[in-house]
Structure formats: C-alpha cells, structure tokens
Amino acid sequence: MVSAALERKVWARTKGSTLYPNLYVVLVATPGIGKSVVLSRAFKILHKVQNLQIAPESVTAASLIDAVAAASRQTANGFTFNAIITIASELGIFLPSYDNGFINTLTKLYDGEHYEERRRTGNALHTILERPLLSILGGTTPAYLSAAIPDIAWQQGLTARTIFIFSDELVDVPIWSGPTTNDTLEADLVSDLVRISGIIGMTRWSQECMDAISAWHKQGLPPVPDHVKLQHYKARRLAHLLKLCIIARAAHADDNRITLEDFNSARGWLLEAEAVMATIFDGMSSKATDFDAIEEAKGFLRTTYVRDRRPVAEHMLIGFLQRKVPVHHIREVIDSMVTSRAIQRVMGKDGFVHIIPLD
C-alpha cells in the first residue's frame, strides 16, 4: 500500500536510469487461507486515501489503459503523471488467461515507460501516456498459476517483475467472534498513507547504506533462490530491493534519505518472501520437460535435506514427482538422476530407501 501511495512522486536514480517504487505483489495460498480478506481490507483502506486511483478488477488491456489515462495527477510543483493501482483479490478475474498483448502492457506500465497506442474503434483512438505507472496487489492459488501461466512465461518479464508471497498458515478465527478490524488501526493506516502520498522528490542514499548494498551485491545477493522457475526473477532482485528500500524509508520518514536501517528492513522483507517462494511450485501441477522436472526435484531435495538435516525418504521424492511428470515416468526420472550423480540412494535405518542430493 505504501508503494501505491508513493506513485511516481518519489524515485531513485540507479545505473543511469530512473526507478520508481511501484510493485507487483501477488499473495499465493490455497483456498480458505484468508488472502481475499487481507486484500479487501487493503482496498477499503486505499479507497479512503484521497486522490489515489484504483483500477477496476476486471479489465482488458484497452480498458486498463483508459483507466490509467483517466488517473491524471499533478503535484504541487506542477509535475504531471498517470498512476493507478489494481487490487485483484482473484488474479483470475484480472488476468483470466495469459494474453501476450496484455502481459506486454503490464510490463510497460510497471517500468513507467512512455506508452502510445492507436485503436480502430472506441472513443480513445490515439492514446499517449508520457508518465504512466501501475501497481498491482493481487491474490491467487497455486492451481491458477499452474493452469493460466505457461512454463515459458516464467522465463519472461512479468513474472520476473512480480514478488510472490506464499503462505499456507490457516488462522483459526473463532466462529462467533465479532469484527476483527481495529477501527483505530485502520484510521492510523489511512493517516499514514495520506502523509506518504505527500512525499515528493528523488531519494538520497547514506554512504553507509550504499556501501552495504554494494557489498551484498558483490557477494551475489545471498541467499539466492535456486528454483528453475525463478531463474529470471533473480535478475530483478536488486531492483526489488531498491524499491523496498524507498518504501521502508517512506513508512517512517518524509526526508527521502535512505539509511542502513532501511536497507536492513528491505532485505529482510525480500528474503522472508523468497524463503518460501519456491513452495508455490510444489503445489502446482506442471507440464514440465524432464529437465525442468529434474531441476525442480533437485531444489526440493536440497531444501528438504537442509531443513531436516537427514536424507530424504524416497517416497517423498516420488510424491513430489507425481505432480510434475506422468506416474509411469517417475522411476525413469529418478534413475536418470542417480546415473547423472545428482542424487545418491542410501538404505535408511528404517529399512527404506532414502535420497541424498549431491549437487
């Protein structure tokens, strides 16, 4: 929500280009976890912030551009831009199928690039957006991602620009409890967002913060997500971090001076999300090739082996592969992993075969 309030009024200059703090964030969970409740409350809070524009949840590429065009703003110093946020409690309504034209539009709006289009029909036959920007806060399930997002899409721009937040924690709310919304807290959040929406200007970075970011970047931004579907996401991690630094500063100060404390907060948020991001794909049925299935299985084995500090029961690997390849093909995939020295079979004390990942 902080990201939506900042719009294009705050920016950073990095690597010779301009970076805005807008985000594409998607909450991922199985049905019943509560993501729609969270998103409905976010919508309610943002709706109370004057001048923030919220796009319709169900749109086409053309109608989204019309909504962005209608969301014209002007700051006190005369700076004009077009910014909007979409609250998509069900991503399947906002993006019912993976349409390349719509995806390219979302990518352009994320980057804040000059946008121009001509149409043969409609009222807006020629639309020019000099300074557009879109933020997305959505929710979906692993099943939707599996059905609607083709494997090739994980190698393209939109998914790399999206931070996926996974949770499988079911919060037990008493059946006969009253409203859980704290009116005072909600009023405070609205007040904070109004303050944040008034922040204007380019960010400045303390030397201590710049040194810390440079050192982490030089190390390779560890720990790095290693799931095969996150290979292209990894290239955007630094940009995500810098955006989160701006957001962290705006959350508690108006001076645009990003400190080491802001960097530590931003890195903590990013790593917390990434620690469970690969879990999303464990719940997806996949039409992956053998190579993709093997790479995903390696990641699953490494994660489980490190977490449990012992070899992984072979039946767990078989269960994982059942969601990735045809059942009759599982044994062949495992044998291939053994032959290529990706894994080693060992006999456990329980008398069953266990797996040790080797790479």
Protein backbone atom coordinates (compact mmCIF):
# COMPACT_ATOMS: atom_id res chain seq x y z
CA MET A 1 0.00 0.00 0.00
CA VAL A 2 2.93 2.34 0.66
CA SER A 3 4.08 1.67 -2.88
CA ALA A 4 0.69 2.74 -4.27
CA ALA A 5 0.73 5.97 -2.23
CA LEU A 6 4.18 6.97 -3.48
CA GLU A 7 3.18 6.63 -7.15
CA ARG A 8 5.70 8.46 -9.41
CA LYS A 9 6.26 11.26 -6.92
CA VAL A 10 9.33 9.56 -5.43
CA TRP A 11 12.11 7.95 -7.43
CA ALA A 12 15.71 6.79 -7.37
CA ARG A 13 18.49 7.06 -9.92
CA THR A 14 20.40 3.79 -10.29
CA LYS A 15 22.67 2.60 -13.09
CA GLY A 16 21.82 5.72 -15.08
CA SER A 17 18.06 5.12 -15.11
CA THR A 18 15.05 6.08 -13.02
CA LEU A 19 13.49 3.57 -10.64
CA TYR A 20 10.02 4.03 -9.16
CA PRO A 21 8.81 2.25 -6.00
CA ASN A 22 5.73 0.63 -7.56
CA LEU A 23 5.43 -3.13 -7.05
CA TYR A 24 3.58 -6.10 -8.48
CA VAL A 25 2.82 -8.25 -5.42
CA VAL A 26 0.74 -11.43 -5.56
CA LEU A 27 -0.38 -13.30 -2.45
CA VAL A 28 -0.46 -17.04 -3.16
CA ALA A 29 -2.30 -19.56 -1.00
CA THR A 30 -4.72 -22.42 -1.28
CA PRO A 31 -8.43 -21.52 -0.86
CA GLY A 32 -9.53 -20.67 2.66
CA ILE A 33 -6.25 -19.24 3.96
CA GLY A 34 -7.60 -15.66 4.00
CA LYS A 35 -5.87 -13.77 1.20
CA SER A 36 -9.17 -12.28 -0.04
CA VAL A 37 -9.87 -10.91 3.44
CA VAL A 38 -6.48 -9.20 3.50
CA LEU A 39 -6.96 -7.73 0.03
CA SER A 40 -10.48 -6.49 0.74
CA ARG A 41 -9.16 -4.60 3.77
CA ALA A 42 -6.33 -3.15 1.69
CA PHE A 43 -8.90 -1.97 -0.86
CA LYS A 44 -11.01 -0.38 1.90
CA ILE A 45 -8.02 1.49 3.32
CA LEU A 46 -6.67 2.70 -0.03
CA HIS A 47 -10.14 3.80 -1.09
CA LYS A 48 -10.13 6.28 1.80
CA VAL A 49 -6.92 7.98 0.64
CA GLN A 50 -7.91 10.99 -1.42
CA ASN A 51 -6.59 11.18 -5.00
CA LEU A 52 -5.37 7.58 -5.15
CA GLN A 53 -6.89 5.91 -8.20
CA ILE A 54 -7.92 2.24 -8.08
CA ALA A 55 -8.43 0.39 -11.35
CA PRO A 56 -11.37 -1.96 -11.95
CA GLU A 57 -10.55 -5.57 -11.12
CA SER A 58 -11.90 -6.93 -14.41
CA VAL A 59 -10.28 -5.17 -17.37
CA THR A 60 -8.94 -5.65 -20.86
CA ALA A 61 -5.64 -4.19 -21.94
CA ALA A 62 -7.53 -1.34 -23.63
CA SER A 63 -9.78 -0.57 -20.64
CA LEU A 64 -6.78 -0.67 -18.29
CA ILE A 65 -5.02 1.92 -20.45
CA ASP A 66 -8.18 4.03 -20.38
CA ALA A 67 -8.21 3.81 -16.57
CA VAL A 68 -4.55 4.85 -16.39
CA ALA A 69 -5.21 7.72 -18.80
CA ALA A 70 -8.06 8.91 -16.58
CA ALA A 71 -5.83 8.78 -13.48
CA SER A 72 -4.00 12.02 -14.24
CA ARG A 73 -2.24 13.73 -11.34
CA GLN A 74 -0.37 16.95 -10.76
CA THR A 75 1.91 17.64 -7.81
CA ALA A 76 2.17 20.99 -6.03
CA ASN A 77 5.21 21.88 -8.15
CA GLY A 78 3.37 21.17 -11.42
CA PHE A 79 4.71 17.68 -12.16
CA THR A 80 2.09 15.63 -14.04
CA PHE A 81 1.83 11.85 -14.36
CA ASN A 82 -0.67 8.98 -14.57
CA ALA A 83 -0.65 6.37 -11.82
CA ILE A 84 -3.09 3.71 -10.70
CA ILE A 85 -3.27 0.59 -8.53
CA THR A 86 -5.17 -2.63 -9.14
CA ILE A 87 -6.43 -4.65 -6.17
CA ALA A 88 -7.12 -8.06 -7.70
CA SER A 89 -8.49 -10.29 -4.95
CA GLU A 90 -8.73 -13.01 -7.60
CA LEU A 91 -5.96 -12.72 -10.15
CA GLY A 92 -8.01 -14.96 -12.45
CA ILE A 93 -10.52 -12.13 -12.89
CA PHE A 94 -7.85 -9.54 -13.69
CA LEU A 95 -5.84 -11.94 -15.85
CA PRO A 96 -8.17 -14.78 -16.91
CA SER A 97 -5.65 -16.12 -19.43
CA TYR A 98 -2.06 -15.49 -20.39
CA ASP A 99 -2.55 -13.00 -23.20
CA ASN A 100 0.76 -11.79 -24.62
CA GLY A 101 -0.61 -8.37 -25.58
CA PHE A 102 -1.97 -7.74 -22.09
CA ILE A 103 1.23 -9.07 -20.50
CA ASN A 104 3.36 -6.69 -22.56
CA THR A 105 1.12 -3.80 -21.48
CA LEU A 106 1.56 -4.73 -17.81
CA THR A 107 5.33 -4.88 -18.28
CA LYS A 108 5.44 -1.43 -19.88
CA LEU A 109 3.29 0.09 -17.14
CA TYR A 110 5.48 -1.46 -14.44
CA ASP A 111 8.58 0.13 -15.92
CA GLY A 112 6.87 3.52 -16.24
CA GLU A 113 7.86 3.86 -19.88
CA HIS A 114 6.25 6.17 -22.45
CA TYR A 115 3.16 4.37 -23.76
CA GLU A 116 1.35 5.04 -27.02
CA GLU A 117 -1.34 3.12 -28.86
CA ARG A 118 -3.77 3.57 -31.72
CA ARG A 119 -7.13 1.84 -31.99
CA ARG A 120 -9.56 1.38 -34.84
CA THR A 121 -12.62 1.57 -32.59
CA GLY A 122 -13.65 3.24 -29.35
CA ASN A 123 -13.54 6.79 -28.04
CA ALA A 124 -9.77 6.95 -27.43
CA LEU A 125 -8.39 6.20 -30.89
CA HIS A 126 -4.94 7.59 -30.09
CA THR A 127 -3.65 7.41 -26.51
CA ILE A 128 -0.33 8.82 -25.36
CA LEU A 129 0.87 8.36 -21.77
CA GLU A 130 4.13 10.17 -21.12
CA ARG A 131 4.50 9.11 -17.47
CA PRO A 132 2.30 6.10 -16.65
CA LEU A 133 2.74 3.77 -13.69
CA LEU A 134 0.84 0.75 -12.40
CA SER A 135 0.95 -1.07 -9.07
CA ILE A 136 -0.70 -4.45 -8.54
CA LEU A 137 -1.72 -6.14 -5.32
CA GLY A 138 -3.32 -9.46 -6.15
CA GLY A 139 -4.21 -12.84 -4.79
CA THR A 140 -4.35 -16.28 -6.36
CA THR A 141 -3.82 -20.01 -5.83
CA PRO A 142 -1.06 -22.35 -6.99
CA ALA A 143 -3.71 -24.10 -9.11
CA TYR A 144 -4.43 -20.89 -11.05
CA LEU A 145 -0.74 -20.25 -11.66
CA SER A 146 -0.40 -23.80 -12.96
CA ALA A 147 -3.41 -23.54 -15.27
CA ALA A 148 -3.02 -19.98 -16.54
CA ILE A 149 0.72 -19.30 -16.56
CA PRO A 150 2.57 -21.42 -19.16
CA ASP A 151 6.04 -22.71 -18.39
CA ILE A 152 7.59 -20.33 -20.92
CA ALA A 153 6.10 -17.35 -19.02
CA TRP A 154 8.46 -17.97 -16.10
CA GLN A 155 11.27 -17.03 -18.48
CA GLN A 156 9.68 -13.70 -19.40
CA GLY A 157 9.34 -10.22 -17.96
CA LEU A 158 6.10 -10.12 -16.00
CA THR A 159 6.82 -12.96 -13.58
CA ALA A 160 10.35 -11.61 -13.02
CA ARG A 161 8.81 -8.28 -12.00
CA THR A 162 6.38 -9.89 -9.57
CA ILE A 163 7.05 -10.68 -5.92
CA PHE A 164 5.05 -13.77 -4.95
CA ILE A 165 4.16 -14.05 -1.26
CA PHE A 166 3.24 -17.60 -0.22
CA SER A 167 1.51 -18.76 2.93
CA ASP A 168 -0.19 -21.98 3.93
CA GLU A 169 -0.84 -20.87 7.52
CA LEU A 170 -4.51 -21.25 8.39
CA VAL A 171 -5.55 -18.70 11.02
CA ASP A 172 -8.25 -20.11 13.28
CA VAL A 173 -10.78 -17.30 13.78
CA PRO A 174 -13.47 -18.10 16.38
CA ILE A 175 -16.81 -18.73 14.71
CA TRP A 176 -18.73 -16.32 16.95
CA SER A 177 -16.13 -13.58 17.12
CA GLY A 178 -17.01 -10.02 16.21
CA PRO A 179 -15.35 -7.88 13.51
CA THR A 180 -11.58 -8.27 13.54
CA THR A 181 -10.86 -4.87 12.03
CA ASN A 182 -9.46 -2.39 14.53
CA ASP A 183 -11.04 0.97 13.65
CA THR A 184 -8.22 2.91 15.32
CA LEU A 185 -5.57 0.95 13.46
CA GLU A 186 -7.39 1.45 10.18
CA ALA A 187 -7.63 5.19 10.78
CA ASP A 188 -3.90 5.30 11.60
CA LEU A 189 -3.07 3.44 8.38
CA VAL A 190 -5.15 5.85 6.32
CA SER A 191 -3.44 8.78 8.04
CA ASP A 192 0.00 7.30 7.33
CA LEU A 193 -0.86 6.76 3.66
CA VAL A 194 -2.10 10.33 3.34
CA ARG A 195 1.24 11.51 4.76
CA ILE A 196 3.18 9.20 2.45
CA SER A 197 1.21 10.37 -0.59
CA GLY A 198 2.56 13.86 0.07
CA ILE A 199 6.23 12.85 -0.20
CA ILE A 200 7.89 14.19 -3.34
CA GLY A 201 11.40 14.04 -4.75
CA MET A 202 14.41 11.92 -5.59
CA THR A 203 15.82 9.64 -2.93
CA ARG A 204 19.22 10.16 -1.35
CA TRP A 205 21.30 7.28 -0.05
CA SER A 206 23.53 7.42 3.01
CA GLN A 207 27.10 6.30 2.39
CA GLU A 208 26.71 3.51 4.93
CA CYS A 209 23.63 2.24 3.08
CA MET A 210 25.32 2.41 -0.33
CA ASP A 211 28.32 0.50 1.00
CA ALA A 212 26.07 -2.22 2.44
CA ILE A 213 24.10 -2.61 -0.79
CA SER A 214 27.29 -2.70 -2.88
CA ALA A 215 28.85 -5.32 -0.59
CA TRP A 216 25.75 -7.54 -0.71
CA HIS A 217 25.56 -7.13 -4.49
CA LYS A 218 29.22 -8.08 -4.84
CA GLN A 219 28.54 -11.27 -2.86
CA GLY A 220 25.74 -12.17 -5.29
CA LEU A 221 22.80 -11.12 -3.05
CA PRO A 222 22.81 -14.34 -1.00
CA PRO A 223 20.87 -16.46 -0.29
CA VAL A 224 19.75 -16.76 -3.91
CA PRO A 225 16.54 -18.60 -4.86
CA ASP A 226 17.54 -21.67 -6.85
CA HIS A 227 14.23 -22.93 -8.25
CA VAL A 228 14.28 -23.33 -12.02
CA LYS A 229 11.18 -21.15 -12.45
CA LEU A 230 12.86 -18.28 -10.57
CA GLN A 231 15.95 -18.05 -12.78
CA HIS A 232 14.77 -14.86 -14.48
CA TYR A 233 13.30 -13.44 -11.29
CA LYS A 234 16.83 -13.48 -9.85
CA ALA A 235 17.92 -10.82 -12.33
CA ARG A 236 15.34 -8.41 -10.85
CA ARG A 237 16.20 -8.94 -7.19
CA LEU A 238 18.39 -5.84 -6.88
CA ALA A 239 15.63 -3.67 -8.37
CA HIS A 240 13.11 -5.20 -5.96
CA LEU A 241 15.47 -4.45 -3.07
CA LEU A 242 15.96 -0.81 -4.06
CA LYS A 243 12.21 -0.31 -4.41
CA LEU A 244 11.68 -1.83 -0.97
CA CYS A 245 14.35 0.49 0.46
CA ILE A 246 12.36 3.50 -0.75
CA ILE A 247 9.19 2.02 0.73
CA ALA A 248 10.90 1.27 4.05
CA ARG A 249 12.03 4.89 4.35
CA ALA A 250 8.67 6.36 3.42
CA ALA A 251 6.95 4.16 6.00
CA HIS A 252 8.52 6.12 8.86
CA ALA A 253 10.07 9.33 7.49
CA ASP A 254 9.45 12.01 4.87
CA ASP A 255 13.02 13.04 4.08
CA ASN A 256 13.80 10.56 1.26
CA ARG A 257 17.18 9.80 2.85
CA ILE A 258 17.60 6.04 2.83
CA THR A 259 19.71 4.68 5.66
CA LEU A 260 21.32 1.38 6.60
CA GLU A 261 18.29 0.63 8.78
CA ASP A 262 16.02 0.97 5.73
CA PHE A 263 18.25 -1.39 3.74
CA ASN A 264 18.16 -3.98 6.52
CA SER A 265 14.36 -3.77 6.67
CA ALA A 266 14.03 -4.07 2.89
CA ARG A 267 16.42 -7.01 2.66
CA GLY A 268 14.59 -8.74 5.49
CA TRP A 269 11.25 -8.42 3.71
CA LEU A 270 12.68 -9.69 0.44
CA LEU A 271 14.47 -12.68 1.94
CA GLU A 272 11.45 -13.61 4.03
CA ALA A 273 9.30 -13.74 0.89
CA GLU A 274 11.93 -15.62 -1.10
CA ALA A 275 12.48 -18.23 1.62
CA VAL A 276 9.10 -19.80 0.81
CA MET A 277 8.57 -18.61 -2.77
CA ALA A 278 9.62 -21.93 -4.30
CA THR A 279 6.96 -23.67 -2.21
CA ILE A 280 4.40 -22.23 -4.63
CA PHE A 281 5.63 -24.52 -7.37
CA ASP A 282 5.43 -27.62 -5.18
CA GLY A 283 1.66 -27.18 -5.22
CA MET A 284 1.44 -26.72 -8.98
CA SER A 285 0.80 -29.45 -11.44
CA SER A 286 3.28 -28.98 -14.23
CA LYS A 287 3.74 -29.94 -17.84
CA ALA A 288 7.46 -29.51 -17.43
CA THR A 289 10.00 -31.29 -19.51
CA ASP A 290 12.18 -33.95 -17.92
CA PHE A 291 14.90 -31.35 -17.49
CA ASP A 292 12.59 -28.95 -15.64
CA ALA A 293 11.22 -31.80 -13.51
CA ILE A 294 14.73 -32.89 -12.55
CA GLU A 295 15.83 -29.34 -11.75
CA GLU A 296 12.76 -28.79 -9.60
CA ALA A 297 13.29 -32.12 -7.86
CA LYS A 298 16.88 -31.13 -7.09
CA GLY A 299 15.67 -27.92 -5.47
CA PHE A 300 13.06 -29.82 -3.45
CA LEU A 301 15.64 -32.34 -2.25
CA ARG A 302 18.21 -29.68 -1.31
CA THR A 303 15.64 -27.66 0.64
CA THR A 304 14.29 -30.72 2.47
CA TYR A 305 17.77 -32.12 3.16
CA VAL A 306 18.99 -28.83 4.67
CA ARG A 307 15.78 -28.34 6.65
CA ASP A 308 15.58 -31.85 8.13
CA ARG A 309 19.37 -32.47 8.28
CA ARG A 310 18.99 -36.04 7.09
CA PRO A 311 18.50 -37.97 3.83
CA VAL A 312 15.08 -37.58 2.22
CA ALA A 313 12.79 -40.60 2.12
CA GLU A 314 12.43 -41.78 -1.47
CA HIS A 315 8.66 -41.85 -1.19
CA MET A 316 8.75 -38.06 -0.64
CA LEU A 317 10.63 -37.62 -3.91
CA ILE A 318 8.16 -39.89 -5.66
CA GLY A 319 5.26 -37.89 -4.25
CA PHE A 320 6.87 -34.66 -5.46
CA LEU A 321 7.43 -36.03 -8.98
CA GLN A 322 3.84 -37.26 -9.22
CA ARG A 323 2.84 -33.61 -9.63
CA LYS A 324 5.46 -33.00 -12.30
CA VAL A 325 5.60 -35.97 -14.68
CA PRO A 326 3.35 -38.90 -15.66
CA VAL A 327 3.31 -41.62 -12.98
CA HIS A 328 4.74 -44.24 -15.32
CA HIS A 329 7.72 -41.95 -15.98
CA ILE A 330 8.75 -41.30 -12.35
CA ARG A 331 11.12 -44.25 -11.97
CA GLU A 332 12.90 -43.30 -15.19
CA VAL A 333 13.42 -39.73 -13.93
CA ILE A 334 14.83 -40.95 -10.60
CA ASP A 335 17.14 -43.44 -12.35
CA SER A 336 18.37 -40.62 -14.58
CA MET A 337 19.18 -38.51 -11.51
CA VAL A 338 21.12 -41.40 -9.98
CA THR A 339 23.06 -42.05 -13.18
CA SER A 340 23.98 -38.37 -13.56
CA ARG A 341 25.17 -38.28 -9.92
CA ALA A 342 22.58 -35.68 -8.97
CA ILE A 343 21.43 -37.91 -6.12
CA GLN A 344 22.55 -40.98 -4.20
CA ARG A 345 20.32 -43.73 -2.87
CA VAL A 346 21.10 -44.99 0.65
CA MET A 347 19.37 -47.51 2.89
CA GLY A 348 17.89 -45.88 5.97
CA LYS A 349 17.75 -47.33 9.46
CA ASP A 350 14.02 -47.78 8.93
CA GLY A 351 14.72 -50.29 6.15
CA PHE A 352 13.54 -47.95 3.38
CA VAL A 353 15.46 -46.21 0.61
CA HIS A 354 16.45 -42.58 1.24
CA ILE A 355 17.94 -39.92 -1.06
CA ILE A 356 20.99 -37.67 -0.57
CA PRO A 357 21.28 -34.72 -3.01
CA LEU A 358 24.82 -34.50 -4.43
CA ASP A 359 24.71 -31.16 -6.32
